[in-house]
N, C-alpha and C. Protein backbone atom coordinates (compact mmCIF):
# COMPACT_ATOMS: atom_id res chain seq x y z
N MET A 1 80.57 59.13 98.04
CA MET A 1 81.32 60.36 97.91
C MET A 1 80.45 61.58 98.14
N ALA A 2 79.25 61.59 97.54
CA ALA A 2 78.36 62.73 97.70
C ALA A 2 77.92 62.89 99.14
N ASP A 3 77.73 61.75 99.84
CA ASP A 3 77.30 61.83 101.23
C ASP A 3 78.40 62.42 102.11
N ALA A 4 79.65 62.11 101.82
CA ALA A 4 80.75 62.63 102.63
C ALA A 4 80.90 64.13 102.45
N SER A 5 80.74 64.61 101.20
CA SER A 5 80.89 66.05 100.98
C SER A 5 79.69 66.81 101.54
N ALA A 6 78.51 66.21 101.49
CA ALA A 6 77.33 66.88 102.04
C ALA A 6 77.42 66.98 103.55
N SER A 7 77.89 65.91 104.20
CA SER A 7 78.00 65.96 105.65
C SER A 7 79.13 66.89 106.06
N GLY A 8 80.17 67.00 105.24
CA GLY A 8 81.27 67.91 105.53
C GLY A 8 80.81 69.35 105.46
N ALA A 9 79.95 69.67 104.48
CA ALA A 9 79.44 71.02 104.34
C ALA A 9 78.53 71.37 105.51
N ALA A 10 77.70 70.41 105.91
CA ALA A 10 76.79 70.66 107.03
C ALA A 10 77.58 70.81 108.32
N GLY A 11 78.65 70.04 108.46
CA GLY A 11 79.47 70.13 109.66
C GLY A 11 80.20 71.46 109.75
N SER A 12 80.64 71.98 108.59
CA SER A 12 81.36 73.25 108.61
C SER A 12 80.42 74.40 108.95
N GLU A 13 79.15 74.30 108.54
CA GLU A 13 78.18 75.34 108.88
C GLU A 13 77.93 75.38 110.38
N ALA A 14 77.93 74.21 111.01
CA ALA A 14 77.68 74.15 112.45
C ALA A 14 78.87 74.73 113.22
N ARG A 15 80.08 74.65 112.65
CA ARG A 15 81.26 75.14 113.34
C ARG A 15 81.50 76.63 113.12
N LYS A 16 80.80 77.27 112.21
CA LYS A 16 81.03 78.69 111.94
C LYS A 16 80.54 79.55 113.10
N ALA A 17 81.23 80.63 113.31
CA ALA A 17 80.84 81.57 114.36
C ALA A 17 79.63 82.37 113.88
N PRO A 18 78.81 82.83 114.78
CA PRO A 18 77.66 83.64 114.36
C PRO A 18 78.13 84.96 113.73
N VAL A 19 77.43 85.37 112.71
CA VAL A 19 77.79 86.58 111.98
C VAL A 19 76.97 87.74 112.53
N ALA A 20 77.61 88.90 112.63
CA ALA A 20 76.90 90.08 113.11
C ALA A 20 75.80 90.45 112.13
N GLN A 21 74.65 90.77 112.66
CA GLN A 21 73.52 91.15 111.81
C GLN A 21 73.39 92.66 111.80
N ARG A 22 72.96 93.16 110.64
CA ARG A 22 72.72 94.60 110.54
C ARG A 22 71.44 94.95 111.31
N ILE A 23 71.51 96.06 111.99
CA ILE A 23 70.32 96.52 112.70
C ILE A 23 70.08 97.97 112.31
N ASP A 24 68.86 98.38 112.41
CA ASP A 24 68.49 99.76 112.13
C ASP A 24 68.28 100.47 113.46
N PRO A 25 69.17 101.41 113.83
CA PRO A 25 69.04 102.07 115.13
C PRO A 25 67.74 102.86 115.26
N ALA A 26 67.16 103.25 114.15
CA ALA A 26 65.92 104.01 114.22
C ALA A 26 64.76 103.11 114.65
N ARG A 27 64.77 101.85 114.21
CA ARG A 27 63.67 100.94 114.55
C ARG A 27 63.83 100.30 115.92
N GLU A 28 65.05 99.88 116.18
CA GLU A 28 65.28 99.18 117.45
C GLU A 28 65.69 100.18 118.51
N LYS A 29 65.19 100.02 119.66
CA LYS A 29 65.53 100.90 120.78
C LYS A 29 66.85 100.45 121.38
N LEU A 30 67.88 101.26 121.15
CA LEU A 30 69.19 100.94 121.68
C LEU A 30 69.54 101.92 122.80
N SER A 31 70.32 101.43 123.70
CA SER A 31 70.73 102.30 124.81
C SER A 31 71.80 103.27 124.32
N PRO A 32 71.97 104.38 125.02
CA PRO A 32 73.03 105.32 124.62
C PRO A 32 74.41 104.68 124.61
N ALA A 33 74.66 103.73 125.49
CA ALA A 33 75.95 103.04 125.52
C ALA A 33 76.15 102.21 124.25
N GLN A 34 75.07 101.54 123.80
CA GLN A 34 75.15 100.75 122.58
C GLN A 34 75.39 101.66 121.37
N LEU A 35 74.69 102.77 121.31
CA LEU A 35 74.89 103.72 120.21
C LEU A 35 76.31 104.27 120.20
N HIS A 36 76.82 104.58 121.39
CA HIS A 36 78.20 105.08 121.50
C HIS A 36 79.19 104.02 121.02
N PHE A 37 78.98 102.77 121.42
CA PHE A 37 79.86 101.69 120.99
C PHE A 37 79.79 101.51 119.47
N MET A 38 78.60 101.62 118.90
CA MET A 38 78.45 101.50 117.44
C MET A 38 79.24 102.61 116.73
N ARG A 39 79.14 103.82 117.25
CA ARG A 39 79.88 104.93 116.65
C ARG A 39 81.40 104.72 116.75
N GLN A 40 81.84 104.19 117.89
CA GLN A 40 83.27 103.92 118.06
C GLN A 40 83.76 102.87 117.06
N VAL A 41 82.98 101.82 116.88
CA VAL A 41 83.36 100.75 115.95
C VAL A 41 83.37 101.29 114.52
N GLU A 42 82.35 102.09 114.14
CA GLU A 42 82.31 102.66 112.80
C GLU A 42 83.51 103.58 112.56
N LEU A 43 83.86 104.38 113.55
CA LEU A 43 85.00 105.28 113.43
C LEU A 43 86.30 104.50 113.30
N THR A 44 86.44 103.43 114.06
CA THR A 44 87.64 102.60 113.98
C THR A 44 87.76 101.96 112.61
N GLN A 45 86.65 101.43 112.08
CA GLN A 45 86.68 100.82 110.75
C GLN A 45 86.99 101.87 109.68
N TRP A 46 86.43 103.05 109.84
CA TRP A 46 86.68 104.12 108.86
C TRP A 46 88.15 104.53 108.89
N GLN A 47 88.73 104.66 110.09
CA GLN A 47 90.13 105.03 110.21
C GLN A 47 91.06 103.94 109.68
N LYS A 48 90.63 102.69 109.78
CA LYS A 48 91.44 101.59 109.30
C LYS A 48 91.54 101.61 107.77
N THR A 49 90.48 101.99 107.09
CA THR A 49 90.47 102.00 105.63
C THR A 49 90.88 103.35 105.05
N LEU A 50 91.11 104.35 105.90
CA LEU A 50 91.43 105.70 105.42
C LEU A 50 92.70 105.76 104.57
N PRO A 51 93.83 105.17 104.96
CA PRO A 51 95.03 105.28 104.11
C PRO A 51 94.85 104.66 102.73
N GLN A 52 94.17 103.53 102.68
CA GLN A 52 93.92 102.87 101.39
C GLN A 52 93.02 103.76 100.52
N ARG A 53 91.99 104.31 101.12
CA ARG A 53 91.08 105.19 100.37
C ARG A 53 91.81 106.45 99.92
N ARG A 54 92.64 106.99 100.77
CA ARG A 54 93.37 108.21 100.44
C ARG A 54 94.30 107.97 99.25
N SER A 55 95.02 106.85 99.26
CA SER A 55 95.94 106.57 98.15
C SER A 55 95.15 106.32 96.86
N ARG A 56 94.03 105.66 96.95
CA ARG A 56 93.20 105.46 95.75
C ARG A 56 92.66 106.79 95.23
N ASN A 57 92.25 107.66 96.13
CA ASN A 57 91.74 108.97 95.71
C ASN A 57 92.83 109.79 95.05
N ILE A 58 94.04 109.75 95.59
CA ILE A 58 95.15 110.48 95.00
C ILE A 58 95.47 109.92 93.62
N LEU A 59 95.52 108.61 93.50
CA LEU A 59 95.79 107.97 92.21
C LEU A 59 94.71 108.32 91.19
N THR A 60 93.46 108.29 91.60
CA THR A 60 92.36 108.65 90.69
C THR A 60 92.46 110.10 90.28
N GLY A 61 92.74 110.99 91.22
CA GLY A 61 92.87 112.41 90.89
C GLY A 61 94.01 112.69 89.93
N LEU A 62 95.15 112.03 90.16
CA LEU A 62 96.28 112.21 89.26
C LEU A 62 95.98 111.66 87.87
N SER A 63 95.28 110.54 87.82
CA SER A 63 94.92 109.95 86.52
C SER A 63 93.98 110.88 85.75
N ILE A 64 92.99 111.40 86.41
CA ILE A 64 92.05 112.31 85.75
C ILE A 64 92.77 113.58 85.32
N GLY A 65 93.63 114.11 86.18
CA GLY A 65 94.39 115.31 85.83
C GLY A 65 95.29 115.08 84.63
N ALA A 66 95.96 113.91 84.58
CA ALA A 66 96.83 113.60 83.44
C ALA A 66 96.02 113.48 82.16
N LEU A 67 94.84 112.88 82.25
CA LEU A 67 93.97 112.75 81.08
C LEU A 67 93.52 114.12 80.59
N VAL A 68 93.15 114.99 81.49
CA VAL A 68 92.71 116.35 81.12
C VAL A 68 93.86 117.10 80.46
N LEU A 69 95.05 117.04 81.05
CA LEU A 69 96.20 117.72 80.46
C LEU A 69 96.57 117.14 79.09
N ALA A 70 96.43 115.83 78.93
CA ALA A 70 96.72 115.21 77.63
C ALA A 70 95.73 115.69 76.57
N ILE A 71 94.47 115.74 76.92
CA ILE A 71 93.46 116.21 75.96
C ILE A 71 93.70 117.68 75.63
N TYR A 72 94.00 118.47 76.64
CA TYR A 72 94.26 119.89 76.46
C TYR A 72 95.48 120.11 75.55
N GLY A 73 96.56 119.37 75.81
CA GLY A 73 97.76 119.48 75.00
C GLY A 73 97.53 119.01 73.58
N TYR A 74 96.81 117.91 73.41
CA TYR A 74 96.53 117.41 72.07
C TYR A 74 95.68 118.41 71.28
N THR A 75 94.74 119.05 71.96
CA THR A 75 93.90 120.05 71.29
C THR A 75 94.76 121.20 70.78
N PHE A 76 95.65 121.72 71.60
CA PHE A 76 96.53 122.80 71.16
C PHE A 76 97.43 122.34 70.01
N TYR A 77 97.95 121.13 70.10
CA TYR A 77 98.82 120.60 69.06
C TYR A 77 98.06 120.48 67.74
N SER A 78 96.86 119.92 67.79
CA SER A 78 96.12 119.70 66.55
C SER A 78 95.64 121.01 65.95
N VAL A 79 95.29 121.99 66.77
CA VAL A 79 94.86 123.28 66.25
C VAL A 79 96.05 124.00 65.61
N SER A 80 97.24 123.87 66.20
CA SER A 80 98.40 124.54 65.62
C SER A 80 98.80 123.90 64.30
N GLN A 81 98.44 122.66 64.05
CA GLN A 81 98.78 121.97 62.81
C GLN A 81 97.80 122.29 61.69
N GLU A 82 96.65 122.79 62.02
CA GLU A 82 95.64 123.04 61.00
C GLU A 82 96.00 124.28 60.19
N ARG A 83 95.96 124.14 58.90
CA ARG A 83 96.26 125.23 58.00
C ARG A 83 95.12 125.43 57.00
N PHE A 84 93.94 124.98 57.34
CA PHE A 84 92.84 125.04 56.38
C PHE A 84 92.44 126.48 56.06
N LEU A 85 92.58 127.39 57.02
CA LEU A 85 92.25 128.78 56.73
C LEU A 85 93.25 129.39 55.75
N ASP A 86 94.53 128.99 55.89
CA ASP A 86 95.54 129.46 54.94
C ASP A 86 95.23 128.94 53.54
N ASP A 87 94.81 127.69 53.44
CA ASP A 87 94.46 127.12 52.14
C ASP A 87 93.27 127.84 51.54
N LEU A 88 92.29 128.15 52.36
CA LEU A 88 91.11 128.88 51.86
C LEU A 88 91.49 130.27 51.37
N GLU A 89 92.36 130.92 52.11
CA GLU A 89 92.80 132.26 51.70
C GLU A 89 93.59 132.19 50.39
N ASP A 90 94.44 131.16 50.24
CA ASP A 90 95.19 131.00 49.00
C ASP A 90 94.26 130.75 47.82
N LYS A 91 93.24 129.92 48.03
CA LYS A 91 92.28 129.63 46.95
C LYS A 91 91.48 130.88 46.62
N ALA A 92 91.09 131.65 47.64
CA ALA A 92 90.34 132.88 47.39
C ALA A 92 91.20 133.89 46.65
N LYS A 93 92.46 134.01 47.02
CA LYS A 93 93.38 134.93 46.35
C LYS A 93 93.58 134.51 44.89
N ALA A 94 93.74 133.21 44.66
CA ALA A 94 93.90 132.70 43.29
C ALA A 94 92.64 132.95 42.48
N ALA A 95 91.48 132.78 43.10
CA ALA A 95 90.22 133.03 42.39
C ALA A 95 90.09 134.51 42.06
N ARG A 96 90.50 135.40 42.96
CA ARG A 96 90.44 136.84 42.68
C ARG A 96 91.39 137.23 41.54
N VAL A 97 92.60 136.65 41.59
CA VAL A 97 93.57 136.93 40.52
C VAL A 97 93.04 136.42 39.18
N LYS A 98 92.46 135.23 39.19
CA LYS A 98 91.91 134.64 37.96
C LYS A 98 90.76 135.49 37.46
N ALA A 99 89.88 135.92 38.40
CA ALA A 99 88.74 136.74 38.01
C ALA A 99 89.20 138.09 37.49
N ALA A 100 90.21 138.69 38.09
CA ALA A 100 90.74 139.97 37.66
C ALA A 100 91.44 139.83 36.31
N GLY A 101 92.10 138.71 36.08
CA GLY A 101 92.80 138.46 34.83
C GLY A 101 91.85 138.24 33.68
N THR A 102 90.74 137.60 33.88
CA THR A 102 89.79 137.33 32.81
C THR A 102 88.91 138.54 32.52
N SER A 103 88.68 139.38 33.47
CA SER A 103 87.79 140.53 33.26
C SER A 103 88.52 141.74 32.73
N SER A 104 89.85 141.84 32.84
CA SER A 104 90.58 143.01 32.39
C SER A 104 90.70 143.10 30.87
N PRO A 105 90.78 142.04 30.02
CA PRO A 105 90.91 142.30 28.58
C PRO A 105 89.65 142.71 27.94
């Protein structure tokens, strides 16, 4: 069994098409026609993925915007609910009344 799977894997490697290798245009001397063809292929690949990238960018922007608006709204809501300054003023007023009441007799 192991021999059959090993020979099958080796056979599939022999049948695979050669894969394009990355080259560095700065190191290798390429003709202007080759450079032009490379630019055309890169542009075609970029244009092919553009709609998918655009929709992802829009979705990401809307998500970030919704998060910012939610935080902003929650901040306003929580600040409007806080009454701690009113409580402090009430305690200070009560302390003044108490102090005035004890010092007057």
